[in-house]
Amino acid sequence: MSQHIEIEFKNLLTEEEFTRMKTFLNMDESLFVKQENHYFDTASFALKELGCALRTRYKEGCYELTLKQPHTEGLLETNQMLSHDDATAFLEKNVLIDGPVKNALQQLKIPLEELTYFGSLTTLRAEKEYNGGLIVLDHSFYLNQSDFEVEYEVENFEVGKSHFNHLLKELYIPIRKTDNKIRRFYLAKENHR
């Protein structure tokens, strides 16, 4: 299926909190996998204005195109796999292949010819099942800076929120308002000018 609802909780971490959480979850360095996210929008930020995000991701030899849209209980993700040639054509020549992501962009009335590449963010990511969900630790690098983050992906909002808040409390980590990666990237890009 090319679409699903993503319910996740996230919290930025200090480097020390990140190390503490890795130890608590028994996540050693061998579990971390590198992934590259390449972000797209129009020059007028048409997607951002709608609360949407568009990216290609390269991970373990595979390319995936993802459109994230707001949804009542999380985000609606539309995904499709890309070949190396399709990913390169979109990244370098703004050629978007037919499929569910292109269809969704057209339904949003996004001018496809105006999509432009804004930059990339590289993440070292480890994932592990935790209390019925998926716990994710990320160390991300972009625009000469880096940050640390924990995400918790779940099926049930209320149960997931309870488990996530309990984990943070157990490890003495304060709850922080945490923007998603693309917003952090765009903020850093604005401040980088």
N, C-alpha and C. Protein backbone atom coordinates (compact mmCIF):
# COMPACT_ATOMS: atom_id res chain seq x y z
N MET A 1 0.84 -1.19 0.00
CA MET A 1 0.00 0.00 0.00
C MET A 1 0.88 1.24 0.00
N SER A 2 0.52 2.24 -0.79
CA SER A 2 1.36 3.42 -0.94
C SER A 2 1.02 4.52 0.06
N GLN A 3 -0.08 4.36 0.83
CA GLN A 3 -0.43 5.38 1.80
C GLN A 3 -0.65 4.76 3.17
N HIS A 4 -0.27 5.50 4.22
CA HIS A 4 -0.58 5.10 5.58
C HIS A 4 -0.55 6.33 6.48
N ILE A 5 -1.20 6.20 7.65
CA ILE A 5 -1.21 7.28 8.63
C ILE A 5 -0.03 7.06 9.56
N GLU A 6 0.79 8.09 9.71
CA GLU A 6 1.94 8.02 10.60
C GLU A 6 1.60 8.78 11.88
N ILE A 7 1.60 8.04 13.01
CA ILE A 7 1.42 8.66 14.31
C ILE A 7 2.74 8.52 15.03
N GLU A 8 3.37 9.65 15.32
CA GLU A 8 4.66 9.58 15.99
C GLU A 8 4.82 10.73 16.96
N PHE A 9 5.62 10.47 17.97
CA PHE A 9 5.99 11.48 18.95
C PHE A 9 7.49 11.68 18.81
N LYS A 10 7.95 12.90 19.03
CA LYS A 10 9.37 13.16 18.87
C LYS A 10 9.84 14.14 19.92
N ASN A 11 11.12 14.06 20.22
CA ASN A 11 11.71 14.94 21.21
C ASN A 11 13.18 15.11 20.87
N LEU A 12 13.63 16.37 20.82
CA LEU A 12 15.05 16.63 20.65
C LEU A 12 15.79 16.23 21.92
N LEU A 13 17.02 15.77 21.75
CA LEU A 13 17.84 15.32 22.87
C LEU A 13 19.18 16.05 22.86
N THR A 14 19.77 16.17 24.03
CA THR A 14 21.17 16.60 24.07
C THR A 14 22.01 15.37 23.72
N GLU A 15 23.28 15.58 23.45
CA GLU A 15 24.15 14.45 23.14
C GLU A 15 24.22 13.48 24.32
N GLU A 16 24.25 14.01 25.54
CA GLU A 16 24.31 13.16 26.72
C GLU A 16 23.01 12.36 26.88
N GLU A 17 21.87 12.97 26.63
CA GLU A 17 20.58 12.26 26.71
C GLU A 17 20.50 11.18 25.64
N PHE A 18 21.01 11.49 24.46
CA PHE A 18 21.03 10.53 23.36
C PHE A 18 21.85 9.30 23.76
N THR A 19 23.02 9.52 24.35
CA THR A 19 23.88 8.42 24.79
C THR A 19 23.19 7.61 25.88
N ARG A 20 22.53 8.29 26.81
CA ARG A 20 21.81 7.62 27.90
C ARG A 20 20.67 6.75 27.34
N MET A 21 19.95 7.28 26.35
CA MET A 21 18.85 6.52 25.76
C MET A 21 19.36 5.33 24.97
N LYS A 22 20.47 5.50 24.25
CA LYS A 22 21.08 4.37 23.52
C LYS A 22 21.41 3.24 24.50
N THR A 23 22.00 3.60 25.64
CA THR A 23 22.37 2.61 26.64
C THR A 23 21.13 1.93 27.22
N PHE A 24 20.13 2.72 27.58
CA PHE A 24 18.89 2.20 28.15
C PHE A 24 18.20 1.22 27.21
N LEU A 25 18.22 1.52 25.92
CA LEU A 25 17.54 0.70 24.91
C LEU A 25 18.44 -0.39 24.32
N ASN A 26 19.68 -0.50 24.81
CA ASN A 26 20.65 -1.47 24.27
C ASN A 26 20.83 -1.31 22.76
N MET A 27 21.04 -0.09 22.32
CA MET A 27 21.26 0.19 20.90
C MET A 27 22.72 0.58 20.72
N ASP A 28 23.51 -0.36 20.20
CA ASP A 28 24.92 -0.03 19.98
C ASP A 28 25.12 0.54 18.57
N GLU A 29 26.31 0.99 18.29
CA GLU A 29 26.60 1.66 17.02
C GLU A 29 26.31 0.79 15.80
N SER A 30 26.38 -0.53 15.96
CA SER A 30 26.15 -1.42 14.81
C SER A 30 24.71 -1.34 14.30
N LEU A 31 23.78 -0.84 15.11
CA LEU A 31 22.37 -0.74 14.71
C LEU A 31 22.08 0.50 13.87
N PHE A 32 23.01 1.46 13.86
CA PHE A 32 22.75 2.73 13.17
C PHE A 32 23.04 2.60 11.67
N VAL A 33 22.06 3.04 10.88
CA VAL A 33 22.13 2.97 9.42
C VAL A 33 22.05 4.40 8.88
N LYS A 34 22.87 4.67 7.88
CA LYS A 34 22.89 6.01 7.27
C LYS A 34 21.76 6.13 6.25
N GLN A 35 21.07 7.27 6.29
CA GLN A 35 20.08 7.58 5.26
C GLN A 35 20.21 9.05 4.87
N GLU A 36 19.94 9.32 3.59
CA GLU A 36 20.03 10.68 3.07
C GLU A 36 18.65 11.13 2.63
N ASN A 37 18.20 12.27 3.18
CA ASN A 37 16.93 12.86 2.80
C ASN A 37 17.18 14.09 1.94
N HIS A 38 16.50 14.17 0.80
CA HIS A 38 16.61 15.31 -0.10
C HIS A 38 15.23 15.97 -0.16
N TYR A 39 15.17 17.27 0.17
CA TYR A 39 13.90 17.97 0.32
C TYR A 39 13.57 18.84 -0.87
N PHE A 40 12.26 18.92 -1.18
CA PHE A 40 11.76 19.67 -2.33
C PHE A 40 10.56 20.52 -1.92
N ASP A 41 10.41 21.66 -2.57
CA ASP A 41 9.22 22.51 -2.44
C ASP A 41 9.27 23.47 -3.62
N THR A 42 8.30 24.35 -3.72
CA THR A 42 8.36 25.40 -4.73
C THR A 42 9.09 26.60 -4.11
N ALA A 43 9.51 27.53 -4.94
CA ALA A 43 10.21 28.72 -4.44
C ALA A 43 9.32 29.51 -3.48
N SER A 44 8.00 29.42 -3.66
CA SER A 44 7.06 30.13 -2.78
C SER A 44 6.61 29.27 -1.61
N PHE A 45 7.24 28.10 -1.44
CA PHE A 45 6.93 27.17 -0.34
C PHE A 45 5.45 26.75 -0.33
N ALA A 46 4.94 26.38 -1.50
CA ALA A 46 3.54 25.96 -1.61
C ALA A 46 3.24 24.74 -0.72
N LEU A 47 4.18 23.79 -0.66
CA LEU A 47 3.96 22.61 0.18
C LEU A 47 4.00 22.98 1.66
N LYS A 48 4.99 23.75 2.05
CA LYS A 48 5.13 24.17 3.45
C LYS A 48 3.89 24.92 3.91
N GLU A 49 3.33 25.77 3.03
CA GLU A 49 2.12 26.52 3.37
C GLU A 49 0.94 25.61 3.67
N LEU A 50 0.92 24.43 3.05
CA LEU A 50 -0.15 23.47 3.28
C LEU A 50 0.18 22.51 4.43
N GLY A 51 1.34 22.70 5.05
CA GLY A 51 1.76 21.80 6.12
C GLY A 51 2.30 20.48 5.59
N CYS A 52 2.69 20.47 4.32
CA CYS A 52 3.16 19.24 3.66
C CYS A 52 4.68 19.25 3.53
N ALA A 53 5.23 18.07 3.25
CA ALA A 53 6.67 17.94 3.00
C ALA A 53 6.88 16.88 1.93
N LEU A 54 7.86 17.12 1.07
CA LEU A 54 8.20 16.20 -0.02
C LEU A 54 9.69 15.90 0.05
N ARG A 55 10.02 14.60 0.02
CA ARG A 55 11.43 14.22 0.08
C ARG A 55 11.67 12.95 -0.70
N THR A 56 12.93 12.77 -1.11
CA THR A 56 13.40 11.46 -1.52
C THR A 56 14.36 11.00 -0.43
N ARG A 57 14.37 9.71 -0.19
CA ARG A 57 15.27 9.14 0.82
C ARG A 57 16.07 8.02 0.19
N TYR A 58 17.38 8.05 0.43
CA TYR A 58 18.26 6.98 0.00
C TYR A 58 18.71 6.24 1.24
N LYS A 59 18.41 4.93 1.28
CA LYS A 59 18.75 4.12 2.45
C LYS A 59 19.02 2.69 2.00
N GLU A 60 20.16 2.20 2.38
CA GLU A 60 20.55 0.81 2.09
C GLU A 60 20.34 0.43 0.64
N GLY A 61 20.77 1.32 -0.26
CA GLY A 61 20.72 1.02 -1.69
C GLY A 61 19.38 1.27 -2.36
N CYS A 62 18.40 1.78 -1.63
CA CYS A 62 17.06 1.99 -2.19
C CYS A 62 16.65 3.46 -2.07
N TYR A 63 15.86 3.90 -3.05
CA TYR A 63 15.33 5.27 -3.07
C TYR A 63 13.82 5.22 -2.87
N GLU A 64 13.32 6.12 -2.02
CA GLU A 64 11.88 6.21 -1.79
C GLU A 64 11.46 7.68 -1.84
N LEU A 65 10.36 7.94 -2.52
CA LEU A 65 9.78 9.27 -2.62
C LEU A 65 8.60 9.32 -1.65
N THR A 66 8.54 10.36 -0.81
CA THR A 66 7.49 10.46 0.21
C THR A 66 6.90 11.86 0.23
N LEU A 67 5.57 11.91 0.25
CA LEU A 67 4.83 13.14 0.49
C LEU A 67 4.12 12.97 1.82
N LYS A 68 4.34 13.93 2.73
CA LYS A 68 3.65 13.91 4.03
C LYS A 68 2.65 15.05 4.04
N GLN A 69 1.40 14.72 4.45
CA GLN A 69 0.32 15.69 4.52
C GLN A 69 -0.31 15.64 5.91
N PRO A 70 -0.80 16.77 6.40
CA PRO A 70 -1.47 16.76 7.70
C PRO A 70 -2.69 15.83 7.69
N HIS A 71 -2.93 15.19 8.82
CA HIS A 71 -4.07 14.31 9.00
C HIS A 71 -4.57 14.51 10.42
N THR A 72 -5.82 14.17 10.69
CA THR A 72 -6.39 14.44 12.00
C THR A 72 -5.60 13.84 13.16
N GLU A 73 -5.00 12.68 12.96
CA GLU A 73 -4.27 12.03 14.05
C GLU A 73 -2.85 11.70 13.62
N GLY A 74 -2.17 12.64 13.04
CA GLY A 74 -0.80 12.39 12.60
C GLY A 74 -0.57 12.95 11.22
N LEU A 75 0.11 12.16 10.39
CA LEU A 75 0.41 12.57 9.02
C LEU A 75 -0.01 11.47 8.05
N LEU A 76 -0.54 11.87 6.91
CA LEU A 76 -0.81 10.93 5.83
C LEU A 76 0.44 10.88 4.99
N GLU A 77 1.04 9.70 4.89
CA GLU A 77 2.24 9.51 4.07
C GLU A 77 1.88 8.78 2.80
N THR A 78 2.32 9.35 1.68
CA THR A 78 2.19 8.68 0.39
C THR A 78 3.62 8.36 -0.06
N ASN A 79 3.87 7.08 -0.33
CA ASN A 79 5.22 6.63 -0.66
C ASN A 79 5.25 5.89 -1.98
N GLN A 80 6.39 5.98 -2.64
CA GLN A 80 6.63 5.12 -3.79
C GLN A 80 8.14 4.93 -3.95
N MET A 81 8.50 3.73 -4.33
CA MET A 81 9.91 3.42 -4.55
C MET A 81 10.34 4.02 -5.88
N LEU A 82 11.61 4.42 -5.94
CA LEU A 82 12.19 4.99 -7.16
C LEU A 82 13.42 4.19 -7.56
N SER A 83 13.65 4.10 -8.85
CA SER A 83 14.93 3.55 -9.30
C SER A 83 16.00 4.62 -9.11
N HIS A 84 17.25 4.23 -9.22
CA HIS A 84 18.34 5.19 -9.14
C HIS A 84 18.18 6.27 -10.21
N ASP A 85 17.83 5.84 -11.45
CA ASP A 85 17.67 6.80 -12.55
C ASP A 85 16.51 7.77 -12.29
N ASP A 86 15.39 7.25 -11.75
CA ASP A 86 14.24 8.12 -11.45
C ASP A 86 14.58 9.13 -10.36
N ALA A 87 15.29 8.67 -9.32
CA ALA A 87 15.68 9.56 -8.22
C ALA A 87 16.63 10.65 -8.73
N THR A 88 17.58 10.26 -9.56
CA THR A 88 18.54 11.21 -10.12
C THR A 88 17.84 12.22 -11.03
N ALA A 89 16.90 11.75 -11.85
CA ALA A 89 16.16 12.64 -12.75
C ALA A 89 15.36 13.68 -11.97
N PHE A 90 14.77 13.27 -10.85
CA PHE A 90 14.01 14.22 -10.04
C PHE A 90 14.95 15.20 -9.34
N LEU A 91 16.03 14.68 -8.79
CA LEU A 91 16.98 15.52 -8.06
C LEU A 91 17.69 16.53 -8.96
N GLU A 92 18.10 16.08 -10.13
CA GLU A 92 18.92 16.93 -11.00
C GLU A 92 18.14 17.67 -12.08
N LYS A 93 17.01 17.10 -12.54
CA LYS A 93 16.30 17.71 -13.68
C LYS A 93 14.84 18.00 -13.40
N ASN A 94 14.40 17.78 -12.15
CA ASN A 94 13.02 18.03 -11.75
C ASN A 94 12.02 17.22 -12.58
N VAL A 95 12.39 15.99 -12.91
CA VAL A 95 11.50 15.10 -13.65
C VAL A 95 10.90 14.11 -12.66
N LEU A 96 9.61 14.26 -12.40
CA LEU A 96 8.91 13.42 -11.42
C LEU A 96 8.12 12.35 -12.16
N ILE A 97 8.39 11.08 -11.83
CA ILE A 97 7.71 9.98 -12.53
C ILE A 97 6.25 9.88 -12.07
N ASP A 98 5.44 9.25 -12.92
CA ASP A 98 4.03 9.02 -12.59
C ASP A 98 3.95 8.08 -11.40
N GLY A 99 2.89 8.24 -10.61
CA GLY A 99 2.68 7.37 -9.47
C GLY A 99 1.86 8.07 -8.41
N PRO A 100 1.70 7.43 -7.26
CA PRO A 100 0.82 7.97 -6.21
C PRO A 100 1.27 9.32 -5.65
N VAL A 101 2.58 9.57 -5.59
CA VAL A 101 3.04 10.86 -5.06
C VAL A 101 2.70 11.98 -6.05
N LYS A 102 2.98 11.77 -7.31
CA LYS A 102 2.65 12.77 -8.33
C LYS A 102 1.15 13.03 -8.35
N ASN A 103 0.35 11.97 -8.24
CA ASN A 103 -1.11 12.12 -8.22
C ASN A 103 -1.55 12.96 -7.03
N ALA A 104 -0.98 12.69 -5.85
CA ALA A 104 -1.34 13.43 -4.64
C ALA A 104 -0.94 14.91 -4.77
N LEU A 105 0.23 15.18 -5.35
CA LEU A 105 0.67 16.56 -5.56
C LEU A 105 -0.27 17.30 -6.51
N GLN A 106 -0.72 16.60 -7.55
CA GLN A 106 -1.66 17.20 -8.50
C GLN A 106 -3.00 17.50 -7.82
N GLN A 107 -3.45 16.60 -6.93
CA GLN A 107 -4.71 16.84 -6.20
C GLN A 107 -4.58 18.07 -5.29
N LEU A 108 -3.36 18.31 -4.78
CA LEU A 108 -3.11 19.49 -3.95
C LEU A 108 -2.91 20.76 -4.79
N LYS A 109 -2.92 20.59 -6.12
CA LYS A 109 -2.72 21.69 -7.07
C LYS A 109 -1.33 22.33 -6.92
N ILE A 110 -0.34 21.50 -6.65
CA ILE A 110 1.04 21.96 -6.58
C ILE A 110 1.58 22.02 -8.01
N PRO A 111 2.11 23.16 -8.44
CA PRO A 111 2.68 23.25 -9.80
C PRO A 111 3.98 22.43 -9.88
N LEU A 112 3.89 21.25 -10.46
CA LEU A 112 5.02 20.31 -10.48
C LEU A 112 6.26 20.91 -11.13
N GLU A 113 6.05 21.73 -12.16
CA GLU A 113 7.20 22.32 -12.85
C GLU A 113 7.96 23.31 -11.97
N GLU A 114 7.33 23.73 -10.86
CA GLU A 114 7.97 24.69 -9.96
C GLU A 114 8.67 24.02 -8.78
N LEU A 115 8.55 22.70 -8.67
CA LEU A 115 9.26 22.02 -7.59
C LEU A 115 10.76 22.20 -7.75
N THR A 116 11.42 22.44 -6.65
CA THR A 116 12.86 22.64 -6.69
C THR A 116 13.52 21.96 -5.50
N TYR A 117 14.74 21.56 -5.70
CA TYR A 117 15.52 20.89 -4.66
C TYR A 117 16.07 21.94 -3.70
N PHE A 118 15.84 21.73 -2.39
CA PHE A 118 16.27 22.70 -1.39
C PHE A 118 17.51 22.27 -0.62
N GLY A 119 17.83 20.99 -0.63
CA GLY A 119 19.01 20.55 0.11
C GLY A 119 18.79 19.20 0.76
N SER A 120 19.82 18.76 1.47
CA SER A 120 19.75 17.41 2.04
C SER A 120 20.10 17.40 3.52
N LEU A 121 19.66 16.34 4.16
CA LEU A 121 19.91 16.09 5.57
C LEU A 121 20.28 14.63 5.68
N THR A 122 21.40 14.34 6.33
CA THR A 122 21.86 12.96 6.51
C THR A 122 21.61 12.54 7.94
N THR A 123 21.09 11.34 8.11
CA THR A 123 20.77 10.84 9.45
C THR A 123 21.40 9.48 9.67
N LEU A 124 21.96 9.29 10.84
CA LEU A 124 22.34 7.97 11.33
C LEU A 124 21.20 7.53 12.22
N ARG A 125 20.51 6.42 11.84
CA ARG A 125 19.27 6.01 12.50
C ARG A 125 19.35 4.59 13.01
N ALA A 126 18.85 4.39 14.23
CA ALA A 126 18.67 3.04 14.78
C ALA A 126 17.21 2.89 15.19
N GLU A 127 16.64 1.71 14.94
CA GLU A 127 15.24 1.44 15.24
C GLU A 127 15.13 0.19 16.09
N LYS A 128 14.10 0.18 16.96
CA LYS A 128 13.88 -0.98 17.82
C LYS A 128 12.43 -1.00 18.27
N GLU A 129 11.83 -2.19 18.32
CA GLU A 129 10.47 -2.30 18.85
C GLU A 129 10.49 -1.97 20.33
N TYR A 130 9.46 -1.23 20.76
CA TYR A 130 9.39 -0.80 22.15
C TYR A 130 7.93 -0.60 22.55
N ASN A 131 7.45 -1.38 23.49
CA ASN A 131 6.09 -1.25 24.04
C ASN A 131 5.02 -1.13 22.96
N GLY A 132 5.06 -2.00 21.97
CA GLY A 132 4.04 -2.02 20.94
C GLY A 132 4.22 -1.00 19.83
N GLY A 133 5.33 -0.25 19.86
CA GLY A 133 5.61 0.73 18.81
C GLY A 133 7.04 0.57 18.32
N LEU A 134 7.50 1.55 17.60
CA LEU A 134 8.87 1.54 17.07
C LEU A 134 9.59 2.77 17.60
N ILE A 135 10.65 2.54 18.38
CA ILE A 135 11.45 3.64 18.89
C ILE A 135 12.61 3.88 17.91
N VAL A 136 12.87 5.15 17.62
CA VAL A 136 13.87 5.52 16.63
C VAL A 136 14.80 6.56 17.25
N LEU A 137 16.09 6.30 17.16
CA LEU A 137 17.09 7.29 17.57
C LEU A 137 17.79 7.82 16.33
N ASP A 138 17.84 9.15 16.21
CA ASP A 138 18.42 9.80 15.04
C ASP A 138 19.50 10.78 15.45
N HIS A 139 20.62 10.73 14.73
CA HIS A 139 21.64 11.77 14.80
C HIS A 139 21.71 12.35 13.40
N SER A 140 21.25 13.59 13.24
CA SER A 140 21.11 14.20 11.91
C SER A 140 22.14 15.30 11.69
N PHE A 141 22.57 15.41 10.43
CA PHE A 141 23.58 16.40 10.02
C PHE A 141 23.04 17.19 8.84
N TYR A 142 23.08 18.54 8.95
CA TYR A 142 22.60 19.39 7.87
C TYR A 142 23.14 20.80 8.05
N LEU A 143 23.54 21.42 6.95
CA LEU A 143 23.98 22.81 6.93
C LEU A 143 24.97 23.12 8.04
N ASN A 144 26.02 22.32 8.15
CA ASN A 144 27.09 22.52 9.13
C ASN A 144 26.64 22.47 10.58
N GLN A 145 25.58 21.72 10.85
CA GLN A 145 25.15 21.52 12.23
C GLN A 145 24.60 20.11 12.37
N SER A 146 24.35 19.71 13.62
CA SER A 146 23.77 18.39 13.85
C SER A 146 22.83 18.47 15.03
N ASP A 147 21.93 17.47 15.13
CA ASP A 147 21.07 17.37 16.30
C ASP A 147 20.75 15.90 16.58
N PHE A 148 20.21 15.68 17.77
CA PHE A 148 19.87 14.34 18.24
C PHE A 148 18.38 14.32 18.55
N GLU A 149 17.73 13.18 18.24
CA GLU A 149 16.28 13.12 18.39
C GLU A 149 15.84 11.70 18.67
N VAL A 150 14.76 11.57 19.43
CA VAL A 150 14.08 10.30 19.60
C VAL A 150 12.68 10.44 19.00
N GLU A 151 12.26 9.41 18.27
CA GLU A 151 10.91 9.35 17.72
C GLU A 151 10.27 8.05 18.19
N TYR A 152 8.96 8.08 18.35
CA TYR A 152 8.23 6.88 18.74
C TYR A 152 7.02 6.76 17.82
N GLU A 153 7.02 5.76 16.94
CA GLU A 153 5.95 5.55 15.97
C GLU A 153 5.00 4.49 16.52
N VAL A 154 3.69 4.82 16.51
CA VAL A 154 2.69 3.95 17.15
C VAL A 154 1.44 3.85 16.29
N GLU A 155 0.58 2.94 16.68
CA GLU A 155 -0.73 2.78 16.02
C GLU A 155 -1.81 3.57 16.75
N ASN A 156 -1.70 3.70 18.09
CA ASN A 156 -2.72 4.35 18.90
C ASN A 156 -2.14 5.61 19.55
N PHE A 157 -2.74 6.75 19.29
CA PHE A 157 -2.21 8.03 19.75
C PHE A 157 -2.10 8.08 21.27
N GLU A 158 -3.19 7.81 21.98
CA GLU A 158 -3.19 7.97 23.44
C GLU A 158 -2.23 7.00 24.13
N VAL A 159 -2.25 5.74 23.71
CA VAL A 159 -1.34 4.75 24.31
C VAL A 159 0.11 5.12 24.01
N GLY A 160 0.38 5.51 22.77
CA GLY A 160 1.73 5.90 22.39
C GLY A 160 2.23 7.10 23.16
N LYS A 161 1.38 8.09 23.32
CA LYS A 161 1.76 9.29 24.07
C LYS A 161 2.11 8.93 25.51
N SER A 162 1.32 8.06 26.12
CA SER A 162 1.58 7.63 27.50
C SER A 162 2.92 6.91 27.61
N HIS A 163 3.19 5.96 26.71
CA HIS A 163 4.46 5.22 26.73
C HIS A 163 5.65 6.15 26.50
N PHE A 164 5.50 7.08 25.55
CA PHE A 164 6.60 7.98 25.21
C PHE A 164 6.92 8.91 26.39
N ASN A 165 5.88 9.51 26.96
CA ASN A 165 6.11 10.42 28.09
C ASN A 165 6.71 9.68 29.28
N HIS A 166 6.28 8.43 29.50
CA HIS A 166 6.84 7.63 30.60
C HIS A 166 8.33 7.37 30.36
N LEU A 167 8.71 7.05 29.13
CA LEU A 167 10.11 6.80 28.80
C LEU A 167 10.95 8.04 29.08
N LEU A 168 10.48 9.20 28.62
CA LEU A 168 11.23 10.44 28.85
C LEU A 168 11.36 10.72 30.35
N LYS A 169 10.28 10.52 31.08
CA LYS A 169 10.31 10.76 32.53
C LYS A 169 11.28 9.81 33.22
N GLU A 170 11.25 8.55 32.82
CA GLU A 170 12.13 7.54 33.42
C GLU A 170 13.60 7.88 33.22
N LEU A 171 13.92 8.51 32.09
CA LEU A 171 15.31 8.86 31.80
C LEU A 171 15.64 10.32 32.13
N TYR A 172 14.71 11.00 32.83
CA TYR A 172 14.92 12.39 33.26
C TYR A 172 15.22 13.32 32.06
N ILE A 173 14.44 13.12 31.00
CA ILE A 173 14.59 13.95 29.80
C ILE A 173 13.37 14.86 29.70
N PRO A 174 13.57 16.18 29.68
CA PRO A 174 12.42 17.08 29.59
C PRO A 174 11.73 16.99 28.22
N ILE A 175 10.42 17.15 28.24
CA ILE A 175 9.66 17.19 26.99
C ILE A 175 9.96 18.54 26.32
N ARG A 176 10.37 18.48 25.06
CA ARG A 176 10.70 19.70 24.31
C ARG A 176 9.81 19.79 23.08
N LYS A 177 9.34 20.98 22.78
CA LYS A 177 8.62 21.18 21.53
C LYS A 177 9.62 20.89 20.41
N THR A 178 9.28 19.94 19.55
CA THR A 178 10.22 19.47 18.54
C THR A 178 9.59 19.53 17.16
N ASP A 179 10.14 20.40 16.32
CA ASP A 179 9.70 20.45 14.93
C ASP A 179 10.22 19.21 14.19
N ASN A 180 9.54 18.85 13.09
CA ASN A 180 10.05 17.72 12.31
C ASN A 180 11.33 18.13 11.58
N LYS A 181 12.00 17.15 11.01
CA LYS A 181 13.31 17.39 10.40
C LYS A 181 13.26 18.43 9.29
N ILE A 182 12.24 18.38 8.46
CA ILE A 182 12.21 19.32 7.34
C ILE A 182 12.04 20.76 7.85
N ARG A 183 11.25 20.94 8.90
CA ARG A 183 11.11 22.29 9.46
C ARG A 183 12.43 22.75 10.07
N ARG A 184 13.12 21.86 10.77
CA ARG A 184 14.41 22.23 11.35
C ARG A 184 15.40 22.57 10.23
N PHE A 185 15.34 21.78 9.15
CA PHE A 185 16.21 22.05 8.01
C PHE A 185 15.92 23.43 7.42
N TYR A 186 14.63 23.75 7.18
CA TYR A 186 14.27 25.03 6.59
C TYR A 186 14.64 26.20 7.50
N LEU A 187 14.46 26.05 8.81
CA LEU A 187 14.86 27.09 9.75
C LEU A 187 16.35 27.33 9.69
N ALA A 188 17.11 26.22 9.66
CA ALA A 188 18.57 26.35 9.58
C ALA A 188 18.97 26.99 8.26
N LYS A 189 18.27 26.66 7.17
CA LYS A 189 18.58 27.24 5.86
C LYS A 189 18.31 28.74 5.87
N GLU A 190 17.20 29.17 6.50
CA GLU A 190 16.90 30.60 6.60
C GLU A 190 17.98 31.32 7.40
N ASN A 191 18.40 30.72 8.50
CA ASN A 191 19.41 31.35 9.36
C ASN A 191 20.82 31.27 8.76
N HIS A 192 21.00 30.38 7.80
CA HIS A 192 22.32 30.14 7.18
C HIS A 192 22.64 31.18 6.11
N ARG A 193 21.60 31.88 5.65
CA ARG A 193 21.78 32.85 4.55
C ARG A 193 22.66 33.99 4.93
